[in-house]
Amino acid sequence: MTDSPRPKRPRVVVTRQLMPHVEGRMAELFDVALSANDHAFTVDELKAAVSDCDVLVPTVTDRIDAEIIDAASERLKLIANFGAGVDHIDLAAARAKGIMVSNTPGVFTEDTADMTMALILSVPRRLAEGEKLMRSGKWQGWAPSAMLGHRVGGKLLGIIGMGRIGLAVARRARAFGLSIHYHNRKRLPAAVEEELGASYHASIDTLLRISDVVTIHCPHTSETHEMVNAARIAAMKRTAYLINTARGEVVDEKAMIAALKTGRIAGAGLDVYTHEPAVDPDLLALDNVVLLPHLGSATIEGREASGEKVIANIRAWCDGHRPPDQVLEGWV
């Protein structure tokens, strides 16, 4: 593809409010349109944006599908996503139109791993239920049989997806005495398995059957859509807990809710949902679920670092270079 000259001060549209420092740097460097009220763009607003910019900076709340990309002018040459996941962007459609896509990998690894570990600890020990009890004013004091949960140490943790976040979770979990087992497209090097005391399972079904806690850390793709389906949930231990801080669409949400209602699995800790920001009312009614409002990456440090990566990707593109975090064909 022959590249046209790139503007030194490109027109950049940012769909959501970013950290003030990041927005300030963007205003210095680019002809930028910032989000004034931080609402998720409508389809019409996205179409208007892509028709009049060199660079679009979307987030996970923006569905950049083929319809949106088809509305883009020839001017749009870079979609510099704020965030690591790009399942909300039609990469094939962007590639066909000669639009590069970049993301911000790695900056939320530790934050998401921390939140995952918090859920792994919270769900078996019934922290959310306990907190509700305290606020209700109905607590009658300590009793030997009250609010009993399950010990975390000594349990088998099954990790689905052993990328950056999966590895960070494994290191944390090992410190809490969990036994590390994992499923991944590729097996880890022997040295890493030895460091973590980790056991590899080529079959996700085997992993699910033996795990006391299952935590998901794979991207959402056509291959992973509802990968944890009704049959696989039914094969889990009745005492097992399901943790998801990846993407809601990786789990068959209706099947999970049915299993939670009937006690087919013991509980769940969720930071992501199939139809965000909508949450299934049945989930809200369950006591054996800890629900968080997509907080995995919600740290000041992480959001600033992600914004800096967006800026670096745009500047590299302006200078005629490949963005350092360009999403290449075959990304998962």
Protein backbone atom coordinates (compact mmCIF):
# COMPACT_ATOMS: atom_id res chain seq x y z
CA MET A 1 0.00 0.00 0.00
CA THR A 2 1.43 3.38 -1.03
CA ASP A 3 1.24 5.75 1.89
CA SER A 4 0.32 9.40 1.42
CA PRO A 5 2.21 12.11 3.31
CA ARG A 6 1.20 12.13 6.95
CA PRO A 7 0.15 15.35 8.69
CA LYS A 8 2.46 16.67 11.37
CA ARG A 9 -0.53 17.96 13.33
CA PRO A 10 -3.27 15.47 12.57
CA ARG A 11 -6.94 15.88 13.28
CA VAL A 12 -7.63 13.50 16.20
CA VAL A 13 -11.06 12.66 17.61
CA VAL A 14 -11.18 11.17 21.12
CA THR A 15 -14.46 9.51 22.00
CA ARG A 16 -14.24 9.53 25.82
CA GLN A 17 -12.65 11.72 28.48
CA LEU A 18 -9.10 10.69 29.30
CA MET A 19 -6.80 11.70 32.14
CA PRO A 20 -6.25 15.50 32.23
CA HIS A 21 -2.49 15.16 31.68
CA VAL A 22 -3.09 13.02 28.60
CA GLU A 23 -5.68 15.38 27.16
CA GLY A 24 -3.32 18.30 27.77
CA ARG A 25 -0.50 16.62 25.85
CA MET A 26 -2.87 15.76 23.01
CA ALA A 27 -3.98 19.40 22.78
CA GLU A 28 -0.33 20.47 22.52
CA LEU A 29 0.58 17.93 19.85
CA PHE A 30 -2.52 17.45 17.72
CA ASP A 31 -5.58 19.20 16.34
CA VAL A 32 -7.71 17.30 18.79
CA ALA A 33 -11.44 17.10 19.46
CA LEU A 34 -11.87 15.96 23.04
CA SER A 35 -15.00 14.55 24.65
CA ALA A 36 -16.81 17.28 26.53
CA ASN A 37 -19.38 15.18 28.37
CA ASP A 38 -17.84 11.68 28.36
CA HIS A 39 -20.80 9.84 26.89
CA ALA A 40 -20.48 6.80 24.65
CA PHE A 41 -20.73 7.92 21.03
CA THR A 42 -23.84 6.99 19.09
CA VAL A 43 -23.56 5.38 15.66
CA ASP A 44 -24.22 8.73 14.01
CA GLU A 45 -21.57 10.44 16.14
CA LEU A 46 -19.02 7.76 15.25
CA LYS A 47 -19.82 8.14 11.55
CA ALA A 48 -19.40 11.90 11.81
CA ALA A 49 -16.11 11.45 13.63
CA VAL A 50 -14.55 9.04 11.12
CA SER A 51 -15.64 11.23 8.22
CA ASP A 52 -13.57 14.16 9.46
CA CYS A 53 -10.37 13.01 11.15
CA ASP A 54 -6.95 11.51 10.48
CA VAL A 55 -6.92 9.52 13.71
CA LEU A 56 -9.76 8.12 15.80
CA VAL A 57 -9.13 7.30 19.47
CA PRO A 58 -11.94 4.97 20.58
CA THR A 59 -12.38 2.88 23.71
CA VAL A 60 -14.11 -0.40 24.53
CA THR A 61 -17.47 1.43 24.64
CA ASP A 62 -17.26 2.21 20.90
CA ARG A 63 -18.27 -0.45 18.39
CA ILE A 64 -16.17 0.28 15.31
CA ASP A 65 -17.78 -2.19 12.95
CA ALA A 66 -17.80 -2.41 9.15
CA GLU A 67 -20.63 0.13 8.92
CA ILE A 68 -18.61 2.73 10.80
CA ILE A 69 -15.44 2.01 8.87
CA ASP A 70 -17.35 2.21 5.57
CA ALA A 71 -18.41 5.74 6.59
CA ALA A 72 -14.80 6.84 7.08
CA SER A 73 -13.24 9.28 4.67
CA GLU A 74 -9.98 8.53 2.91
CA ARG A 75 -8.43 10.85 5.47
CA LEU A 76 -8.75 8.35 8.33
CA LYS A 77 -5.57 6.28 8.45
CA LEU A 78 -5.18 5.28 12.11
CA ILE A 79 -7.51 3.97 14.80
CA ALA A 80 -5.43 4.41 17.97
CA ASN A 81 -7.43 2.42 20.48
CA PHE A 82 -7.30 3.33 24.17
CA GLY A 83 -7.00 -0.12 25.74
CA ALA A 84 -5.51 -3.49 24.92
CA GLY A 85 -8.62 -5.32 23.72
CA VAL A 86 -9.71 -4.63 20.16
CA ASP A 87 -12.65 -7.02 19.82
CA HIS A 88 -14.91 -3.97 19.39
CA ILE A 89 -13.09 -3.04 16.16
CA ASP A 90 -13.63 -4.84 12.84
CA LEU A 91 -9.95 -5.38 12.07
CA ALA A 92 -10.60 -6.96 8.68
CA ALA A 93 -12.72 -4.03 7.53
CA ALA A 94 -10.09 -1.56 8.73
CA ARG A 95 -7.32 -3.49 6.98
CA ALA A 96 -9.32 -3.62 3.74
CA LYS A 97 -9.64 0.16 3.80
CA GLY A 98 -5.97 0.73 4.56
CA ILE A 99 -6.56 1.91 8.13
CA MET A 100 -3.98 0.94 10.74
CA VAL A 101 -5.13 -0.08 14.21
CA SER A 102 -3.04 0.25 17.37
CA ASN A 103 -3.73 -0.58 20.99
CA THR A 104 -2.14 -0.15 24.42
CA PRO A 105 -0.99 -3.58 25.62
CA GLY A 106 0.64 -4.28 28.96
CA VAL A 107 -0.31 -1.15 30.87
CA PHE A 108 -3.24 -2.73 32.71
CA THR A 109 -1.64 -6.10 33.43
CA GLU A 110 -0.88 -5.58 37.11
CA ASP A 111 -4.13 -3.69 37.77
CA THR A 112 -6.30 -6.40 36.23
CA ALA A 113 -4.34 -9.13 38.00
CA ASP A 114 -4.85 -7.34 41.32
CA MET A 115 -8.60 -7.12 40.70
CA THR A 116 -8.74 -10.78 39.69
CA MET A 117 -6.97 -11.80 42.87
CA ALA A 118 -9.36 -9.66 44.88
CA LEU A 119 -12.29 -11.57 43.37
CA ILE A 120 -10.59 -14.94 43.92
CA LEU A 121 -10.36 -14.04 47.60
CA SER A 122 -13.75 -12.32 47.88
CA VAL A 123 -16.09 -14.88 46.38
CA PRO A 124 -15.20 -18.01 48.42
CA ARG A 125 -15.03 -15.95 51.63
CA ARG A 126 -18.38 -14.23 50.91
CA LEU A 127 -17.05 -10.71 51.37
CA ALA A 128 -19.85 -9.03 49.41
CA GLU A 129 -22.51 -10.83 51.44
CA GLY A 130 -20.76 -9.88 54.65
CA GLU A 131 -20.53 -6.24 53.65
CA LYS A 132 -24.25 -6.16 52.81
CA LEU A 133 -25.04 -7.76 56.17
CA MET A 134 -23.08 -5.10 58.03
CA ARG A 135 -24.81 -2.26 56.17
CA SER A 136 -28.23 -3.80 56.79
CA GLY A 137 -27.85 -3.46 60.54
CA LYS A 138 -28.90 -7.10 61.00
CA TRP A 139 -25.56 -8.53 62.11
CA GLN A 140 -25.99 -10.32 65.45
CA GLY A 141 -22.29 -10.77 66.17
CA TRP A 142 -19.80 -13.59 65.73
CA ALA A 143 -21.00 -17.18 65.76
CA PRO A 144 -19.15 -20.45 65.03
CA SER A 145 -21.43 -21.34 62.12
CA ALA A 146 -22.15 -17.88 60.71
CA MET A 147 -21.17 -16.73 57.18
CA LEU A 148 -19.00 -19.77 56.49
CA GLY A 149 -17.06 -19.71 53.25
CA HIS A 150 -14.23 -21.77 51.82
CA ARG A 151 -10.49 -21.57 52.40
CA VAL A 152 -8.53 -20.36 49.35
CA GLY A 153 -5.14 -21.83 50.18
CA GLY A 154 -4.63 -25.36 48.89
CA LYS A 155 -7.28 -25.06 46.19
CA LEU A 156 -6.65 -25.71 42.48
CA LEU A 157 -6.78 -22.58 40.32
CA GLY A 158 -7.55 -23.12 36.63
CA ILE A 159 -6.36 -20.24 34.44
CA ILE A 160 -7.81 -19.95 30.93
CA GLY A 161 -5.33 -17.86 28.94
CA MET A 162 -1.74 -17.52 30.11
CA GLY A 163 -0.71 -14.24 28.57
CA ARG A 164 0.55 -11.25 30.52
CA ILE A 165 -2.45 -11.07 32.86
CA GLY A 166 -2.75 -14.82 33.34
CA LEU A 167 0.91 -15.00 34.33
CA ALA A 168 0.53 -12.08 36.74
CA VAL A 169 -2.49 -13.76 38.34
CA ALA A 170 -0.58 -17.05 38.65
CA ARG A 171 2.26 -15.34 40.52
CA ARG A 172 -0.16 -13.72 42.95
CA ALA A 173 -2.20 -16.87 43.41
CA ARG A 174 0.84 -18.99 44.17
CA ALA A 175 1.67 -16.65 47.05
CA PHE A 176 -1.77 -17.43 48.49
CA GLY A 177 -1.11 -21.15 48.33
CA LEU A 178 -3.18 -22.05 45.28
CA SER A 179 -2.08 -24.82 42.93
CA ILE A 180 -1.64 -23.40 39.42
CA HIS A 181 -3.09 -25.21 36.40
CA TYR A 182 -3.67 -23.57 33.02
CA HIS A 183 -4.94 -23.88 29.47
CA ASN A 184 -3.39 -21.82 26.69
CA ARG A 185 -3.06 -21.98 22.92
CA LYS A 186 0.66 -22.53 23.41
CA ARG A 187 2.36 -24.23 26.31
CA LEU A 188 4.64 -22.05 28.43
CA PRO A 189 8.40 -22.68 28.45
CA ALA A 190 9.45 -25.30 30.98
CA ALA A 191 11.36 -22.70 33.02
CA VAL A 192 8.21 -20.61 33.49
CA GLU A 193 6.13 -23.65 34.45
CA GLU A 194 8.78 -24.58 36.98
CA GLU A 195 8.86 -21.06 38.42
CA LEU A 196 5.08 -21.08 38.91
CA GLY A 197 4.70 -24.75 39.73
CA ALA A 198 2.18 -24.69 36.89
CA SER A 199 0.60 -27.69 35.16
CA TYR A 200 -0.49 -27.41 31.53
CA HIS A 201 -3.76 -28.83 30.19
CA ALA A 202 -4.18 -29.12 26.42
CA SER A 203 -7.91 -29.61 26.96
CA ILE A 204 -9.96 -26.83 28.50
CA ASP A 205 -12.56 -29.44 29.45
CA THR A 206 -10.08 -31.30 31.64
CA LEU A 207 -9.05 -28.06 33.32
CA LEU A 208 -12.63 -27.08 34.10
CA ARG A 209 -13.49 -30.48 35.57
CA ILE A 210 -10.68 -30.40 38.14
CA SER A 211 -10.55 -26.71 39.12
CA ASP A 212 -11.81 -25.28 42.38
CA VAL A 213 -11.55 -21.74 40.98
CA VAL A 214 -11.60 -20.91 37.26
CA THR A 215 -10.35 -17.53 36.07
CA ILE A 216 -10.57 -16.28 32.48
CA HIS A 217 -7.82 -14.25 30.80
CA CYS A 218 -8.23 -14.74 27.06
CA PRO A 219 -9.37 -12.16 24.49
CA HIS A 220 -12.83 -12.25 22.97
CA THR A 221 -12.64 -13.57 19.42
CA SER A 222 -14.87 -15.65 17.18
CA GLU A 223 -13.06 -18.72 18.55
CA THR A 224 -13.51 -17.80 22.22
CA HIS A 225 -17.10 -16.52 22.00
CA GLU A 226 -19.07 -18.33 24.73
CA MET A 227 -16.17 -20.75 25.04
CA VAL A 228 -17.27 -21.43 28.62
CA ASN A 229 -20.64 -22.76 27.53
CA ALA A 230 -23.46 -24.63 29.23
CA ALA A 231 -21.88 -28.06 28.79
CA ARG A 232 -18.55 -26.93 30.19
CA ILE A 233 -20.16 -25.16 33.14
CA ALA A 234 -22.16 -28.33 33.86
CA ALA A 235 -18.88 -30.28 34.00
CA MET A 236 -17.40 -28.03 36.70
CA LYS A 237 -17.34 -29.00 40.35
CA ARG A 238 -20.41 -27.98 42.35
CA THR A 239 -18.03 -26.30 44.78
CA ALA A 240 -16.22 -24.37 42.01
CA TYR A 241 -16.11 -20.60 41.52
CA LEU A 242 -15.93 -18.77 38.18
CA ILE A 243 -14.00 -15.50 37.91
CA ASN A 244 -14.14 -13.30 34.80
CA THR A 245 -12.20 -10.06 34.36
CA ALA A 246 -11.61 -10.56 30.62
CA ARG A 247 -14.70 -10.16 28.43
CA GLY A 248 -18.28 -11.09 29.25
CA GLU A 249 -18.84 -12.68 25.85
CA VAL A 250 -16.34 -15.46 26.58
CA VAL A 251 -18.93 -17.00 28.94
CA ASP A 252 -22.46 -18.11 28.11
CA GLU A 253 -24.00 -15.72 30.60
CA LYS A 254 -27.46 -17.32 30.66
CA ALA A 255 -25.95 -20.76 31.31
CA MET A 256 -23.77 -19.34 34.08
CA ILE A 257 -26.76 -17.67 35.74
CA ALA A 258 -28.74 -20.91 35.59
CA ALA A 259 -25.85 -22.78 37.21
CA LEU A 260 -25.53 -20.17 39.94
CA LYS A 261 -29.26 -20.24 40.66
CA THR A 262 -29.40 -24.00 41.02
CA GLY A 263 -26.13 -24.41 42.91
CA ARG A 264 -24.53 -26.22 39.99
CA ILE A 265 -21.51 -24.03 40.71
CA ALA A 266 -20.86 -22.32 44.02
CA GLY A 267 -20.35 -18.73 42.97
CA ALA A 268 -18.85 -16.20 40.59
CA GLY A 269 -16.83 -13.00 40.61
CA LEU A 270 -17.52 -10.80 37.60
CA ASP A 271 -16.05 -7.53 36.34
CA VAL A 272 -17.38 -7.88 32.77
CA TYR A 273 -20.76 -8.67 31.23
CA THR A 274 -22.20 -9.75 27.89
CA HIS A 275 -24.28 -6.61 27.30
CA GLU A 276 -22.38 -3.88 29.14
CA PRO A 277 -23.42 -1.56 30.64
CA ALA A 278 -26.62 -3.57 31.05
CA VAL A 279 -26.39 -6.30 33.69
CA ASP A 280 -28.84 -9.19 33.70
CA PRO A 281 -31.34 -8.60 36.56
CA ASP A 282 -30.99 -12.25 37.56
CA LEU A 283 -27.32 -11.64 38.35
CA LEU A 284 -28.22 -8.67 40.54
CA ALA A 285 -30.56 -10.87 42.58
CA LEU A 286 -27.96 -13.53 43.38
CA ASP A 287 -26.09 -13.56 46.70
CA ASN A 288 -23.36 -15.92 45.53
CA VAL A 289 -21.94 -13.47 42.99
CA VAL A 290 -19.59 -10.50 43.45
CA LEU A 291 -20.34 -7.89 40.78
CA LEU A 292 -17.94 -5.08 39.87
CA PRO A 293 -18.48 -2.27 37.32
CA HIS A 294 -15.59 -3.13 34.94
CA LEU A 295 -12.93 -1.91 37.38
CA GLY A 296 -10.04 -4.10 36.22
CA SER A 297 -8.12 -1.26 34.58
CA ALA A 298 -9.49 1.53 36.76
CA THR A 299 -6.31 2.98 38.24
CA ILE A 300 -4.95 6.47 37.71
CA GLU A 301 -1.53 5.04 36.87
CA GLY A 302 -2.86 2.59 34.31
CA ARG A 303 -5.12 5.08 32.57
CA GLU A 304 -2.29 7.61 32.32
CA ALA A 305 0.06 4.98 30.89
CA SER A 306 -2.55 3.90 28.35
CA GLY A 307 -3.02 7.50 27.23
CA GLU A 308 0.73 7.93 26.83
CA LYS A 309 0.82 4.84 24.62
CA VAL A 310 -1.96 6.28 22.46
CA ILE A 311 0.08 9.46 22.02
CA ALA A 312 3.23 7.49 21.19
CA ASN A 313 1.37 5.47 18.57
CA ILE A 314 -0.04 8.59 16.93
CA ARG A 315 3.32 10.39 16.94
CA ALA A 316 5.09 7.41 15.42
CA TRP A 317 2.48 7.28 12.67
CA CYS A 318 2.81 11.03 12.04
CA ASP A 319 6.58 10.60 11.67
CA GLY A 320 6.10 7.98 8.98
CA HIS A 321 6.84 4.98 11.19
CA ARG A 322 4.79 1.97 12.13
CA PRO A 323 3.04 2.60 15.47
CA PRO A 324 4.90 0.59 18.13
CA ASP A 325 1.66 -1.08 19.20
CA GLN A 326 0.14 -1.69 15.78
CA VAL A 327 -2.31 -4.57 15.82
CA LEU A 328 -1.14 -6.92 13.12
CA GLU A 329 -3.02 -9.60 11.18
CA GLY A 330 -3.59 -12.68 13.29
CA TRP A 331 -3.94 -10.72 16.54
CA VAL A 332 -5.75 -12.61 19.29
